Amino acid sequence: MILAPDLTPLIQAIHDAPPRLVYVFAGAGSLALHWLHTVPGSSRTLLEARDCYAPRSLAAVLGAPPARAVSVETASAMATWAWRYAATLAEDPWPLLGVGCTAAIAADRARRGADRAVVAARSASDTRIYELFLDKERRDRAAEEELISRLVVLAIAEGCGVGQANLALGPEEALRVTHYPAPA
């Protein structure tokens, strides 16, 4: 997928901002990584990214299998792990950001439960949690992946203090953002 024109300046601002980050995702959010690499300067932003698609991969990051893969607790734990891991990778004294995304989206099999995503962004001073509730009837898998990846870019942009991405939500969709002044 080609990068949407409205994201290019936002991602450039992310690359120009000081935070360095580790990004961990499961279930969706892969386009965000692609988009970050599409705009020159990603080597100033990304320390590492990890796709934890297999349950054992996610359990390895968390230290144990999560009670629920798509939850505030899981996304927050992913972001905390990413933030701590970023500290082991950073060679310079830059501010660090850990980002975790976990999602359940349209699949090629019947799946119970709502299509949704939770993204968490952790820094030394705060944690932001983004809970996205999707309308299963509104979007196909590719469209859900794109929207969740936009949410990841929004979380990174806000973590870098450079603005936010546009999320076009339908009437049956919702985004809940929770900000914790200290790490969650």
N, C-alpha and C. Protein backbone atom coordinates (compact mmCIF):
# COMPACT_ATOMS: atom_id res chain seq x y z
N MET A 1 0.83 -1.18 0.00
CA MET A 1 0.00 0.00 0.00
C MET A 1 0.88 1.24 0.00
N ILE A 2 0.53 2.17 -0.80
CA ILE A 2 1.24 3.44 -0.89
C ILE A 2 0.84 4.30 0.30
N LEU A 3 1.78 5.06 0.79
CA LEU A 3 1.55 5.94 1.92
C LEU A 3 0.58 7.06 1.55
N ALA A 4 -0.44 7.24 2.36
CA ALA A 4 -1.41 8.32 2.14
C ALA A 4 -0.71 9.66 2.28
N PRO A 5 -1.01 10.62 1.40
CA PRO A 5 -0.31 11.91 1.41
C PRO A 5 -0.38 12.65 2.75
N ASP A 6 -1.47 12.49 3.49
CA ASP A 6 -1.59 13.21 4.76
C ASP A 6 -0.65 12.67 5.83
N LEU A 7 -0.14 11.45 5.64
CA LEU A 7 0.74 10.86 6.65
C LEU A 7 2.21 11.24 6.44
N THR A 8 2.58 11.59 5.23
CA THR A 8 3.99 11.87 4.94
C THR A 8 4.57 12.97 5.83
N PRO A 9 3.94 14.16 5.93
CA PRO A 9 4.54 15.18 6.80
C PRO A 9 4.53 14.79 8.27
N LEU A 10 3.52 14.05 8.69
CA LEU A 10 3.46 13.62 10.09
C LEU A 10 4.60 12.65 10.39
N ILE A 11 4.83 11.70 9.51
CA ILE A 11 5.91 10.75 9.73
C ILE A 11 7.26 11.44 9.63
N GLN A 12 7.40 12.43 8.74
CA GLN A 12 8.64 13.20 8.69
C GLN A 12 8.88 13.92 10.02
N ALA A 13 7.82 14.46 10.60
CA ALA A 13 7.94 15.12 11.91
C ALA A 13 8.33 14.12 12.99
N ILE A 14 7.80 12.89 12.92
CA ILE A 14 8.20 11.84 13.85
C ILE A 14 9.70 11.58 13.72
N HIS A 15 10.18 11.44 12.48
CA HIS A 15 11.60 11.17 12.26
C HIS A 15 12.48 12.33 12.72
N ASP A 16 11.96 13.54 12.65
CA ASP A 16 12.73 14.72 13.07
C ASP A 16 12.70 14.93 14.58
N ALA A 17 11.78 14.28 15.27
CA ALA A 17 11.66 14.42 16.73
C ALA A 17 12.70 13.55 17.43
N PRO A 18 13.04 13.90 18.65
CA PRO A 18 14.10 13.15 19.32
C PRO A 18 13.78 11.70 19.72
N PRO A 19 12.56 11.33 20.11
CA PRO A 19 12.42 9.96 20.63
C PRO A 19 12.85 8.87 19.64
N ARG A 20 13.46 7.85 20.20
CA ARG A 20 13.78 6.61 19.49
C ARG A 20 12.84 5.55 20.04
N LEU A 21 12.42 4.60 19.22
CA LEU A 21 11.40 3.68 19.69
C LEU A 21 11.62 2.24 19.27
N VAL A 22 10.99 1.37 20.05
CA VAL A 22 10.80 -0.04 19.71
C VAL A 22 9.30 -0.22 19.58
N TYR A 23 8.91 -0.92 18.51
CA TYR A 23 7.50 -1.15 18.20
C TYR A 23 7.24 -2.65 18.16
N VAL A 24 6.25 -3.10 18.93
CA VAL A 24 5.87 -4.51 19.00
C VAL A 24 4.39 -4.59 18.65
N PHE A 25 4.05 -5.50 17.73
CA PHE A 25 2.65 -5.60 17.33
C PHE A 25 2.23 -7.05 17.16
N ALA A 26 0.92 -7.29 17.31
CA ALA A 26 0.34 -8.62 17.17
C ALA A 26 -1.06 -8.47 16.60
N GLY A 27 -1.33 -9.14 15.50
CA GLY A 27 -2.67 -9.15 14.92
C GLY A 27 -2.91 -8.11 13.85
N ALA A 28 -2.32 -6.96 13.96
CA ALA A 28 -2.46 -5.87 12.97
C ALA A 28 -1.45 -4.80 13.33
N GLY A 29 -1.33 -3.82 12.45
CA GLY A 29 -0.41 -2.71 12.69
C GLY A 29 0.86 -2.78 11.87
N SER A 30 0.93 -3.74 10.95
CA SER A 30 2.16 -3.90 10.15
C SER A 30 2.37 -2.76 9.16
N LEU A 31 1.31 -2.17 8.67
CA LEU A 31 1.47 -1.06 7.73
C LEU A 31 2.16 0.13 8.38
N ALA A 32 1.98 0.32 9.66
CA ALA A 32 2.64 1.43 10.36
C ALA A 32 4.15 1.30 10.21
N LEU A 33 4.66 0.11 10.35
CA LEU A 33 6.10 -0.11 10.18
C LEU A 33 6.52 0.19 8.75
N HIS A 34 5.75 -0.30 7.80
CA HIS A 34 6.03 -0.02 6.38
C HIS A 34 6.06 1.48 6.12
N TRP A 35 5.04 2.18 6.64
CA TRP A 35 4.96 3.62 6.42
C TRP A 35 6.14 4.36 7.05
N LEU A 36 6.54 3.95 8.26
CA LEU A 36 7.68 4.60 8.91
C LEU A 36 8.94 4.44 8.05
N HIS A 37 9.09 3.29 7.43
CA HIS A 37 10.25 3.06 6.57
C HIS A 37 10.12 3.73 5.20
N THR A 38 8.91 4.05 4.79
CA THR A 38 8.69 4.68 3.49
C THR A 38 9.20 6.12 3.45
N VAL A 39 9.11 6.80 4.57
CA VAL A 39 9.58 8.19 4.66
C VAL A 39 11.04 8.18 5.10
N PRO A 40 11.93 8.83 4.36
CA PRO A 40 13.35 8.84 4.74
C PRO A 40 13.55 9.35 6.17
N GLY A 41 14.44 8.68 6.88
CA GLY A 41 14.75 9.08 8.25
C GLY A 41 14.35 8.05 9.29
N SER A 42 13.83 6.92 8.87
CA SER A 42 13.37 5.93 9.84
C SER A 42 14.50 5.40 10.72
N SER A 43 15.73 5.45 10.24
CA SER A 43 16.85 4.98 11.06
C SER A 43 17.08 5.89 12.26
N ARG A 44 16.56 7.12 12.22
CA ARG A 44 16.64 8.02 13.38
C ARG A 44 15.52 7.74 14.39
N THR A 45 14.52 7.00 13.97
CA THR A 45 13.35 6.76 14.82
C THR A 45 13.30 5.34 15.38
N LEU A 46 13.40 4.37 14.50
CA LEU A 46 13.21 2.97 14.89
C LEU A 46 14.49 2.31 15.36
N LEU A 47 14.43 1.74 16.54
CA LEU A 47 15.52 0.90 17.03
C LEU A 47 15.27 -0.55 16.65
N GLU A 48 14.00 -0.97 16.75
CA GLU A 48 13.62 -2.33 16.40
C GLU A 48 12.11 -2.42 16.33
N ALA A 49 11.62 -3.36 15.52
CA ALA A 49 10.20 -3.67 15.47
C ALA A 49 10.06 -5.18 15.50
N ARG A 50 8.99 -5.64 16.11
CA ARG A 50 8.78 -7.08 16.25
C ARG A 50 7.31 -7.42 16.03
N ASP A 51 7.06 -8.38 15.14
CA ASP A 51 5.72 -8.87 14.85
C ASP A 51 5.52 -10.17 15.63
N CYS A 52 4.72 -10.11 16.68
CA CYS A 52 4.48 -11.26 17.54
C CYS A 52 3.18 -11.95 17.13
N TYR A 53 3.18 -12.55 15.95
CA TYR A 53 1.94 -13.13 15.44
C TYR A 53 1.60 -14.46 16.11
N ALA A 54 2.58 -15.28 16.36
CA ALA A 54 2.33 -16.56 17.03
C ALA A 54 2.11 -16.33 18.53
N PRO A 55 1.19 -17.06 19.14
CA PRO A 55 0.96 -16.89 20.58
C PRO A 55 2.24 -17.05 21.41
N ARG A 56 3.11 -17.97 21.03
CA ARG A 56 4.36 -18.15 21.79
C ARG A 56 5.28 -16.94 21.64
N SER A 57 5.24 -16.29 20.50
CA SER A 57 6.05 -15.09 20.31
C SER A 57 5.59 -13.98 21.24
N LEU A 58 4.28 -13.79 21.33
CA LEU A 58 3.75 -12.78 22.23
C LEU A 58 4.06 -13.15 23.68
N ALA A 59 3.92 -14.41 24.03
CA ALA A 59 4.24 -14.86 25.39
C ALA A 59 5.71 -14.63 25.72
N ALA A 60 6.58 -14.78 24.74
CA ALA A 60 8.01 -14.55 24.97
C ALA A 60 8.28 -13.09 25.32
N VAL A 61 7.59 -12.18 24.66
CA VAL A 61 7.74 -10.75 24.95
C VAL A 61 7.17 -10.44 26.33
N LEU A 62 6.03 -10.99 26.65
CA LEU A 62 5.34 -10.67 27.90
C LEU A 62 5.85 -11.46 29.10
N GLY A 63 6.56 -12.55 28.85
CA GLY A 63 7.03 -13.39 29.94
C GLY A 63 6.09 -14.52 30.27
N ALA A 64 4.89 -14.50 29.71
CA ALA A 64 3.88 -15.54 29.92
C ALA A 64 2.75 -15.27 28.95
N PRO A 65 1.92 -16.29 28.65
CA PRO A 65 0.78 -16.02 27.78
C PRO A 65 -0.18 -15.03 28.44
N PRO A 66 -0.70 -14.08 27.67
CA PRO A 66 -1.62 -13.11 28.27
C PRO A 66 -2.97 -13.74 28.56
N ALA A 67 -3.67 -13.19 29.54
CA ALA A 67 -5.03 -13.67 29.83
C ALA A 67 -5.93 -13.43 28.62
N ARG A 68 -5.78 -12.26 28.00
CA ARG A 68 -6.49 -11.91 26.77
C ARG A 68 -5.50 -11.20 25.86
N ALA A 69 -5.37 -11.69 24.64
CA ALA A 69 -4.39 -11.11 23.72
C ALA A 69 -4.71 -9.67 23.38
N VAL A 70 -5.98 -9.35 23.15
CA VAL A 70 -6.37 -7.99 22.79
C VAL A 70 -7.01 -7.34 24.01
N SER A 71 -6.18 -6.63 24.75
CA SER A 71 -6.64 -5.97 25.97
C SER A 71 -5.73 -4.80 26.30
N VAL A 72 -6.22 -3.93 27.14
CA VAL A 72 -5.43 -2.80 27.62
C VAL A 72 -4.19 -3.32 28.34
N GLU A 73 -4.37 -4.35 29.16
CA GLU A 73 -3.25 -4.90 29.93
C GLU A 73 -2.16 -5.44 29.02
N THR A 74 -2.56 -6.16 27.97
CA THR A 74 -1.57 -6.74 27.05
C THR A 74 -0.84 -5.65 26.28
N ALA A 75 -1.58 -4.69 25.72
CA ALA A 75 -0.93 -3.62 24.96
C ALA A 75 0.00 -2.81 25.86
N SER A 76 -0.42 -2.54 27.08
CA SER A 76 0.42 -1.79 28.01
C SER A 76 1.68 -2.57 28.36
N ALA A 77 1.54 -3.88 28.58
CA ALA A 77 2.72 -4.71 28.87
C ALA A 77 3.66 -4.77 27.67
N MET A 78 3.11 -4.82 26.46
CA MET A 78 3.94 -4.80 25.25
C MET A 78 4.72 -3.49 25.16
N ALA A 79 4.04 -2.37 25.41
CA ALA A 79 4.69 -1.06 25.33
C ALA A 79 5.77 -0.92 26.40
N THR A 80 5.50 -1.43 27.58
CA THR A 80 6.49 -1.37 28.66
C THR A 80 7.71 -2.21 28.31
N TRP A 81 7.47 -3.41 27.79
CA TRP A 81 8.59 -4.25 27.34
C TRP A 81 9.39 -3.52 26.27
N ALA A 82 8.70 -2.93 25.30
CA ALA A 82 9.38 -2.23 24.20
C ALA A 82 10.19 -1.05 24.72
N TRP A 83 9.65 -0.30 25.66
CA TRP A 83 10.34 0.85 26.24
C TRP A 83 11.60 0.40 26.97
N ARG A 84 11.48 -0.65 27.76
CA ARG A 84 12.66 -1.18 28.48
C ARG A 84 13.70 -1.73 27.51
N TYR A 85 13.23 -2.42 26.48
CA TYR A 85 14.15 -2.99 25.50
C TYR A 85 14.84 -1.87 24.71
N ALA A 86 14.13 -0.80 24.42
CA ALA A 86 14.73 0.34 23.73
C ALA A 86 15.93 0.87 24.51
N ALA A 87 15.84 0.85 25.83
CA ALA A 87 16.94 1.34 26.65
C ALA A 87 18.19 0.48 26.48
N THR A 88 18.03 -0.78 26.15
CA THR A 88 19.20 -1.64 25.93
C THR A 88 19.80 -1.45 24.54
N LEU A 89 19.02 -0.87 23.61
CA LEU A 89 19.48 -0.69 22.23
C LEU A 89 20.01 0.70 21.95
N ALA A 90 19.52 1.70 22.66
CA ALA A 90 19.87 3.10 22.37
C ALA A 90 21.33 3.34 22.73
N GLU A 91 22.06 3.91 21.79
CA GLU A 91 23.47 4.23 22.02
C GLU A 91 23.65 5.66 22.50
N ASP A 92 22.68 6.51 22.25
CA ASP A 92 22.75 7.91 22.64
C ASP A 92 21.70 8.17 23.71
N PRO A 93 21.84 9.25 24.44
CA PRO A 93 20.88 9.55 25.51
C PRO A 93 19.60 10.21 25.00
N TRP A 94 18.97 9.61 24.01
CA TRP A 94 17.72 10.15 23.45
C TRP A 94 16.53 9.74 24.32
N PRO A 95 15.45 10.51 24.27
CA PRO A 95 14.21 10.03 24.90
C PRO A 95 13.75 8.75 24.18
N LEU A 96 13.13 7.87 24.93
CA LEU A 96 12.71 6.58 24.38
C LEU A 96 11.20 6.44 24.42
N LEU A 97 10.69 5.65 23.47
CA LEU A 97 9.27 5.38 23.38
C LEU A 97 9.10 3.88 23.10
N GLY A 98 8.22 3.24 23.85
CA GLY A 98 7.85 1.85 23.59
C GLY A 98 6.41 1.83 23.12
N VAL A 99 6.15 1.17 21.99
CA VAL A 99 4.81 1.14 21.43
C VAL A 99 4.38 -0.31 21.26
N GLY A 100 3.19 -0.61 21.74
CA GLY A 100 2.61 -1.94 21.60
C GLY A 100 1.24 -1.85 20.95
N CYS A 101 0.97 -2.76 20.03
CA CYS A 101 -0.33 -2.82 19.35
C CYS A 101 -0.79 -4.26 19.33
N THR A 102 -1.99 -4.50 19.77
CA THR A 102 -2.58 -5.82 19.69
C THR A 102 -3.99 -5.67 19.12
N ALA A 103 -4.37 -6.57 18.22
CA ALA A 103 -5.64 -6.39 17.51
C ALA A 103 -6.26 -7.72 17.11
N ALA A 104 -7.56 -7.68 16.96
CA ALA A 104 -8.33 -8.78 16.37
C ALA A 104 -9.13 -8.17 15.23
N ILE A 105 -8.84 -8.62 14.01
CA ILE A 105 -9.50 -8.03 12.84
C ILE A 105 -10.10 -9.13 11.98
N ALA A 106 -10.76 -8.72 10.88
CA ALA A 106 -11.43 -9.66 9.98
C ALA A 106 -10.50 -10.81 9.60
N ALA A 107 -11.03 -12.00 9.61
CA ALA A 107 -10.23 -13.20 9.33
C ALA A 107 -10.94 -14.06 8.28
N ASP A 108 -10.25 -15.11 7.83
CA ASP A 108 -10.83 -16.01 6.84
C ASP A 108 -11.59 -17.16 7.51
N ARG A 109 -11.89 -16.99 8.77
CA ARG A 109 -12.66 -17.98 9.53
C ARG A 109 -13.61 -17.24 10.46
N ALA A 110 -14.60 -17.95 10.94
CA ALA A 110 -15.52 -17.33 11.89
C ALA A 110 -14.76 -17.07 13.19
N ARG A 111 -14.94 -15.88 13.70
CA ARG A 111 -14.26 -15.49 14.93
C ARG A 111 -15.26 -14.79 15.82
N ARG A 112 -15.30 -15.22 17.07
CA ARG A 112 -16.19 -14.56 18.02
C ARG A 112 -15.57 -13.25 18.46
N GLY A 113 -16.40 -12.38 18.91
CA GLY A 113 -15.91 -11.12 19.46
C GLY A 113 -15.82 -10.02 18.42
N ALA A 114 -15.67 -8.83 18.94
CA ALA A 114 -15.63 -7.63 18.11
C ALA A 114 -14.27 -7.47 17.45
N ASP A 115 -14.26 -6.79 16.33
CA ASP A 115 -13.02 -6.38 15.71
C ASP A 115 -12.56 -5.13 16.46
N ARG A 116 -11.32 -5.18 16.97
CA ARG A 116 -10.86 -4.06 17.77
C ARG A 116 -9.34 -4.09 17.88
N ALA A 117 -8.80 -3.01 18.40
CA ALA A 117 -7.37 -2.91 18.61
C ALA A 117 -7.10 -2.08 19.85
N VAL A 118 -5.97 -2.36 20.46
CA VAL A 118 -5.50 -1.55 21.58
C VAL A 118 -4.04 -1.22 21.30
N VAL A 119 -3.73 0.07 21.34
CA VAL A 119 -2.37 0.55 21.14
C VAL A 119 -1.95 1.27 22.41
N ALA A 120 -0.73 1.02 22.84
CA ALA A 120 -0.18 1.72 24.00
C ALA A 120 1.16 2.33 23.62
N ALA A 121 1.41 3.53 24.12
CA ALA A 121 2.70 4.20 23.92
C ALA A 121 3.23 4.61 25.29
N ARG A 122 4.43 4.12 25.60
CA ARG A 122 5.04 4.36 26.92
C ARG A 122 6.32 5.16 26.77
N SER A 123 6.45 6.19 27.58
CA SER A 123 7.68 6.96 27.66
C SER A 123 8.13 6.96 29.12
N ALA A 124 9.17 7.69 29.40
CA ALA A 124 9.64 7.78 30.79
C ALA A 124 8.64 8.51 31.67
N SER A 125 7.83 9.40 31.08
CA SER A 125 6.94 10.24 31.87
C SER A 125 5.47 9.88 31.81
N ASP A 126 5.05 9.10 30.80
CA ASP A 126 3.63 8.80 30.72
C ASP A 126 3.36 7.58 29.85
N THR A 127 2.11 7.14 29.90
CA THR A 127 1.59 6.07 29.06
C THR A 127 0.25 6.53 28.50
N ARG A 128 0.06 6.32 27.21
CA ARG A 128 -1.23 6.60 26.56
C ARG A 128 -1.76 5.29 26.00
N ILE A 129 -3.04 5.06 26.26
CA ILE A 129 -3.72 3.85 25.80
C ILE A 129 -4.81 4.28 24.82
N TYR A 130 -4.83 3.64 23.65
CA TYR A 130 -5.81 3.92 22.61
C TYR A 130 -6.60 2.65 22.35
N GLU A 131 -7.88 2.67 22.68
CA GLU A 131 -8.76 1.52 22.42
C GLU A 131 -9.66 1.85 21.24
N LEU A 132 -9.54 1.06 20.17
CA LEU A 132 -10.30 1.28 18.95
C LEU A 132 -11.32 0.16 18.79
N PHE A 133 -12.58 0.53 18.68
CA PHE A 133 -13.67 -0.42 18.49
C PHE A 133 -14.18 -0.27 17.06
N LEU A 134 -14.13 -1.35 16.28
CA LEU A 134 -14.46 -1.31 14.86
C LEU A 134 -15.84 -1.88 14.58
N ASP A 135 -16.42 -1.45 13.49
CA ASP A 135 -17.68 -1.98 12.97
C ASP A 135 -17.33 -3.09 11.98
N LYS A 136 -17.62 -4.35 12.35
CA LYS A 136 -17.27 -5.50 11.51
C LYS A 136 -17.86 -5.41 10.10
N GLU A 137 -18.98 -4.76 9.98
CA GLU A 137 -19.68 -4.69 8.70
C GLU A 137 -19.14 -3.57 7.80
N ARG A 138 -18.41 -2.65 8.34
CA ARG A 138 -17.97 -1.45 7.61
C ARG A 138 -16.72 -1.68 6.77
N ARG A 139 -15.78 -2.48 7.26
CA ARG A 139 -14.46 -2.59 6.64
C ARG A 139 -14.05 -4.03 6.41
N ASP A 140 -13.25 -4.24 5.37
CA ASP A 140 -12.63 -5.55 5.18
C ASP A 140 -11.30 -5.56 5.93
N ARG A 141 -10.59 -6.68 5.87
CA ARG A 141 -9.34 -6.83 6.61
C ARG A 141 -8.33 -5.75 6.25
N ALA A 142 -8.16 -5.49 4.96
CA ALA A 142 -7.17 -4.49 4.53
C ALA A 142 -7.52 -3.11 5.08
N ALA A 143 -8.78 -2.75 5.07
CA ALA A 143 -9.19 -1.44 5.58
C ALA A 143 -9.02 -1.36 7.09
N GLU A 144 -9.27 -2.46 7.79
CA GLU A 144 -9.04 -2.47 9.24
C GLU A 144 -7.55 -2.34 9.55
N GLU A 145 -6.72 -3.05 8.79
CA GLU A 145 -5.27 -2.94 8.97
C GLU A 145 -4.81 -1.50 8.75
N GLU A 146 -5.32 -0.85 7.73
CA GLU A 146 -4.94 0.54 7.45
C GLU A 146 -5.34 1.46 8.59
N LEU A 147 -6.56 1.32 9.10
CA LEU A 147 -7.03 2.18 10.18
C LEU A 147 -6.21 1.97 11.45
N ILE A 148 -5.94 0.71 11.78
CA ILE A 148 -5.15 0.42 12.99
C ILE A 148 -3.73 0.95 12.83
N SER A 149 -3.16 0.83 11.66
CA SER A 149 -1.82 1.37 11.43
C SER A 149 -1.82 2.88 11.55
N ARG A 150 -2.88 3.55 11.10
CA ARG A 150 -3.00 5.00 11.30
C ARG A 150 -3.03 5.32 12.80
N LEU A 151 -3.73 4.48 13.55
CA LEU A 151 -3.79 4.68 15.00
C LEU A 151 -2.40 4.55 15.61
N VAL A 152 -1.61 3.59 15.15
CA VAL A 152 -0.24 3.43 15.65
C VAL A 152 0.57 4.68 15.35
N VAL A 153 0.46 5.20 14.13
CA VAL A 153 1.18 6.43 13.76
C VAL A 153 0.71 7.57 14.65
N LEU A 154 -0.58 7.67 14.92
CA LEU A 154 -1.11 8.69 15.83
C LEU A 154 -0.46 8.56 17.20
N ALA A 155 -0.38 7.34 17.73
CA ALA A 155 0.21 7.11 19.06
C ALA A 155 1.68 7.51 19.07
N ILE A 156 2.40 7.15 18.01
CA ILE A 156 3.82 7.52 17.93
C ILE A 156 3.96 9.04 17.83
N ALA A 157 3.15 9.67 16.99
CA ALA A 157 3.22 11.12 16.83
C ALA A 157 2.94 11.84 18.15
N GLU A 158 1.92 11.39 18.86
CA GLU A 158 1.62 12.03 20.13
C GLU A 158 2.74 11.76 21.14
N GLY A 159 3.32 10.55 21.11
CA GLY A 159 4.44 10.25 21.98
C GLY A 159 5.67 11.09 21.67
N CYS A 160 5.80 11.51 20.42
CA CYS A 160 6.91 12.38 20.00
C CYS A 160 6.56 13.86 20.14
N GLY A 161 5.30 14.16 20.46
CA GLY A 161 4.86 15.54 20.62
C GLY A 161 4.75 16.32 19.32
N VAL A 162 4.39 15.62 18.22
CA VAL A 162 4.37 16.29 16.92
C VAL A 162 3.01 16.31 16.24
N GLY A 163 1.94 15.96 16.91
CA GLY A 163 0.62 16.03 16.27
C GLY A 163 -0.08 14.70 16.24
N GLN A 164 -1.05 14.61 15.34
CA GLN A 164 -1.83 13.38 15.28
C GLN A 164 -2.29 13.07 13.87
N ALA A 165 -2.63 11.81 13.64
CA ALA A 165 -3.12 11.35 12.34
C ALA A 165 -4.64 11.49 12.30
N ASN A 166 -5.17 11.54 11.10
CA ASN A 166 -6.61 11.60 10.91
C ASN A 166 -7.18 10.18 10.93
N LEU A 167 -8.16 9.96 11.78
CA LEU A 167 -8.86 8.68 11.82
C LEU A 167 -10.31 8.91 11.41
N ALA A 168 -10.71 8.36 10.28
CA ALA A 168 -12.09 8.51 9.81
C ALA A 168 -12.90 7.32 10.33
N LEU A 169 -13.59 7.53 11.43
CA LEU A 169 -14.37 6.47 12.05
C LEU A 169 -15.82 6.53 11.59
N GLY A 170 -16.42 5.36 11.48
CA GLY A 170 -17.83 5.28 11.15
C GLY A 170 -18.68 5.52 12.38
N PRO A 171 -20.00 5.64 12.19
CA PRO A 171 -20.90 5.95 13.31
C PRO A 171 -20.93 4.86 14.37
N GLU A 172 -20.62 3.62 14.01
CA GLU A 172 -20.63 2.52 14.96
C GLU A 172 -19.23 2.20 15.50
N GLU A 173 -18.28 3.08 15.23
CA GLU A 173 -16.91 2.86 15.67
C GLU A 173 -16.55 3.91 16.72
N ALA A 174 -15.58 3.57 17.56
CA ALA A 174 -15.21 4.49 18.63
C ALA A 174 -13.73 4.36 18.97
N LEU A 175 -13.16 5.46 19.42
CA LEU A 175 -11.79 5.49 19.92
C LEU A 175 -11.82 6.08 21.32
N ARG A 176 -11.28 5.33 22.26
CA ARG A 176 -11.16 5.81 23.64
C ARG A 176 -9.68 5.96 23.96
N VAL A 177 -9.29 7.15 24.41
CA VAL A 177 -7.89 7.43 24.73
C VAL A 177 -7.80 7.71 26.23
N THR A 178 -6.86 7.02 26.87
CA THR A 178 -6.62 7.21 28.29
C THR A 178 -5.17 7.61 28.46
N HIS A 179 -4.94 8.66 29.22
CA HIS A 179 -3.58 9.16 29.45
C HIS A 179 -3.24 9.02 30.91
N TYR A 180 -2.13 8.37 31.18
CA TYR A 180 -1.63 8.23 32.54
C TYR A 180 -0.38 9.08 32.67
N PRO A 181 -0.36 10.11 33.52
CA PRO A 181 0.81 10.97 33.65
C PRO A 181 2.07 10.20 34.04
N ALA A 182 1.92 9.14 34.78
CA ALA A 182 3.06 8.27 35.11
C ALA A 182 2.84 6.96 34.36
N PRO A 183 3.88 6.18 34.14
CA PRO A 183 3.68 4.91 33.43
C PRO A 183 2.59 4.05 34.05
N ALA A 184 1.78 3.44 33.19
CA ALA A 184 0.67 2.60 33.67
C ALA A 184 1.22 1.33 34.30
